[in-house]
């Protein structure tokens, strides 16, 4: 995975949900924001701690997760 270092899973952060770079930004929240119609640029403007590459990692992670691979394989 090209962006594997951006998606982290830590049982101490967000109950072990896949997150961005060890921050309290679960992958599912960034997917929800994108699905709500906000552009990546709008989200980053509101939350400057996020980077465009974080979203590329989220989208790649989501694609691999629904491909039938286990989360451990993807993470």
C-alpha atoms as a PDB file:
ATOM      1  CA  UNK A   1       0.000   0.000   0.000  1.00  0.00           C
ATOM      2  CA  UNK A   2       1.512   3.271  -1.108  1.00  0.00           C
ATOM      3  CA  UNK A   3       0.202   5.216   1.887  1.00  0.00           C
ATOM      4  CA  UNK A   4       0.390   2.523   4.552  1.00  0.00           C
ATOM      5  CA  UNK A   5       2.404   4.721   6.925  1.00  0.00           C
ATOM      6  CA  UNK A   6      -0.531   7.169   7.109  1.00  0.00           C
ATOM      7  CA  UNK A   7      -3.121   4.673   8.366  1.00  0.00           C
ATOM      8  CA  UNK A   8      -2.454   3.489  11.901  1.00  0.00           C
ATOM      9  CA  UNK A   9      -4.285   1.115  14.204  1.00  0.00           C
ATOM     10  CA  UNK A  10      -3.659   1.565  17.919  1.00  0.00           C
ATOM     11  CA  UNK A  11      -5.962   0.078  20.565  1.00  0.00           C
ATOM     12  CA  UNK A  12      -5.372   3.200  22.676  1.00  0.00           C
ATOM     13  CA  UNK A  13      -6.621   5.589  19.970  1.00  0.00           C
ATOM     14  CA  UNK A  14     -10.291   5.645  18.926  1.00  0.00           C
ATOM     15  CA  UNK A  15     -10.853   2.105  20.251  1.00  0.00           C
ATOM     16  CA  UNK A  16      -8.438   0.651  17.705  1.00  0.00           C
ATOM     17  CA  UNK A  17     -10.200   2.010  14.639  1.00  0.00           C
ATOM     18  CA  UNK A  18      -7.973   2.765  11.638  1.00  0.00           C
ATOM     19  CA  UNK A  19      -6.879   6.404  11.985  1.00  0.00           C
ATOM     20  CA  UNK A  20      -4.733   8.941  10.214  1.00  0.00           C
ATOM     21  CA  UNK A  21      -1.117   9.134  11.425  1.00  0.00           C
ATOM     22  CA  UNK A  22      -1.924   8.192  15.014  1.00  0.00           C
ATOM     23  CA  UNK A  23      -4.244  11.170  15.392  1.00  0.00           C
ATOM     24  CA  UNK A  24      -7.839  10.931  16.515  1.00  0.00           C
ATOM     25  CA  UNK A  25      -9.087  11.088  12.934  1.00  0.00           C
ATOM     26  CA  UNK A  26     -10.671   7.715  12.104  1.00  0.00           C
ATOM     27  CA  UNK A  27     -10.761   6.706   8.459  1.00  0.00           C
ATOM     28  CA  UNK A  28     -14.562   6.443   8.668  1.00  0.00           C
ATOM     29  CA  UNK A  29     -14.890  10.103   9.746  1.00  0.00           C
ATOM     30  CA  UNK A  30     -12.872  11.327   6.763  1.00  0.00           C
ATOM     31  CA  UNK A  31     -14.969   9.126   4.474  1.00  0.00           C
ATOM     32  CA  UNK A  32     -18.137  10.592   6.037  1.00  0.00           C
ATOM     33  CA  UNK A  33     -16.897  14.152   5.509  1.00  0.00           C
ATOM     34  CA  UNK A  34     -16.079  13.388   1.878  1.00  0.00           C
ATOM     35  CA  UNK A  35     -19.416  11.645   1.349  1.00  0.00           C
ATOM     36  CA  UNK A  36     -21.235  14.672   2.784  1.00  0.00           C
ATOM     37  CA  UNK A  37     -20.129  16.641  -0.254  1.00  0.00           C
ATOM     38  CA  UNK A  38     -17.186  18.517   1.229  1.00  0.00           C
ATOM     39  CA  UNK A  39     -14.130  18.633  -0.984  1.00  0.00           C
ATOM     40  CA  UNK A  40     -10.773  17.531   0.331  1.00  0.00           C
ATOM     41  CA  UNK A  41      -9.640  21.148   0.103  1.00  0.00           C
ATOM     42  CA  UNK A  42     -12.594  22.345   2.213  1.00  0.00           C
ATOM     43  CA  UNK A  43     -11.927  19.727   4.865  1.00  0.00           C
ATOM     44  CA  UNK A  44      -8.230  20.600   5.008  1.00  0.00           C
ATOM     45  CA  UNK A  45      -9.095  24.290   5.225  1.00  0.00           C
ATOM     46  CA  UNK A  46     -11.273  23.529   8.269  1.00  0.00           C
ATOM     47  CA  UNK A  47      -8.749  21.062   9.734  1.00  0.00           C
ATOM     48  CA  UNK A  48      -5.218  22.095   8.701  1.00  0.00           C
ATOM     49  CA  UNK A  49      -3.619  19.212  10.597  1.00  0.00           C
ATOM     50  CA  UNK A  50      -4.861  16.980   7.760  1.00  0.00           C
ATOM     51  CA  UNK A  51      -3.047  16.700   4.438  1.00  0.00           C
ATOM     52  CA  UNK A  52      -4.131  15.743   0.933  1.00  0.00           C
ATOM     53  CA  UNK A  53      -2.045  12.565   1.183  1.00  0.00           C
ATOM     54  CA  UNK A  54      -4.128  11.539   4.211  1.00  0.00           C
ATOM     55  CA  UNK A  55      -7.214  11.437   2.002  1.00  0.00           C
ATOM     56  CA  UNK A  56      -5.418   9.507  -0.715  1.00  0.00           C
ATOM     57  CA  UNK A  57      -4.483   6.965   1.969  1.00  0.00           C
ATOM     58  CA  UNK A  58      -8.082   6.858   3.263  1.00  0.00           C
ATOM     59  CA  UNK A  59      -9.472   6.213  -0.219  1.00  0.00           C
ATOM     60  CA  UNK A  60      -6.862   3.549  -0.948  1.00  0.00           C
ATOM     61  CA  UNK A  61      -7.493   1.928   2.452  1.00  0.00           C
ATOM     62  CA  UNK A  62     -11.256   1.869   1.824  1.00  0.00           C
ATOM     63  CA  UNK A  63     -10.750   0.347  -1.619  1.00  0.00           C
ATOM     64  CA  UNK A  64      -8.528  -2.388  -0.256  1.00  0.00           C
ATOM     65  CA  UNK A  65     -10.819  -3.010   2.722  1.00  0.00           C
ATOM     66  CA  UNK A  66     -13.787  -3.771   0.479  1.00  0.00           C
ATOM     67  CA  UNK A  67     -11.677  -5.887  -1.861  1.00  0.00           C
ATOM     68  CA  UNK A  68     -11.961  -8.829   0.522  1.00  0.00           C
ATOM     69  CA  UNK A  69      -8.600  -8.410   2.213  1.00  0.00           C
ATOM     70  CA  UNK A  70      -8.487  -8.433   6.004  1.00  0.00           C
ATOM     71  CA  UNK A  71      -7.966  -5.132   7.797  1.00  0.00           C
ATOM     72  CA  UNK A  72      -4.646  -6.451   9.145  1.00  0.00           C
ATOM     73  CA  UNK A  73      -3.482  -7.108   5.574  1.00  0.00           C
ATOM     74  CA  UNK A  74      -4.539  -3.611   4.550  1.00  0.00           C
ATOM     75  CA  UNK A  75      -3.130  -1.754   7.571  1.00  0.00           C
END
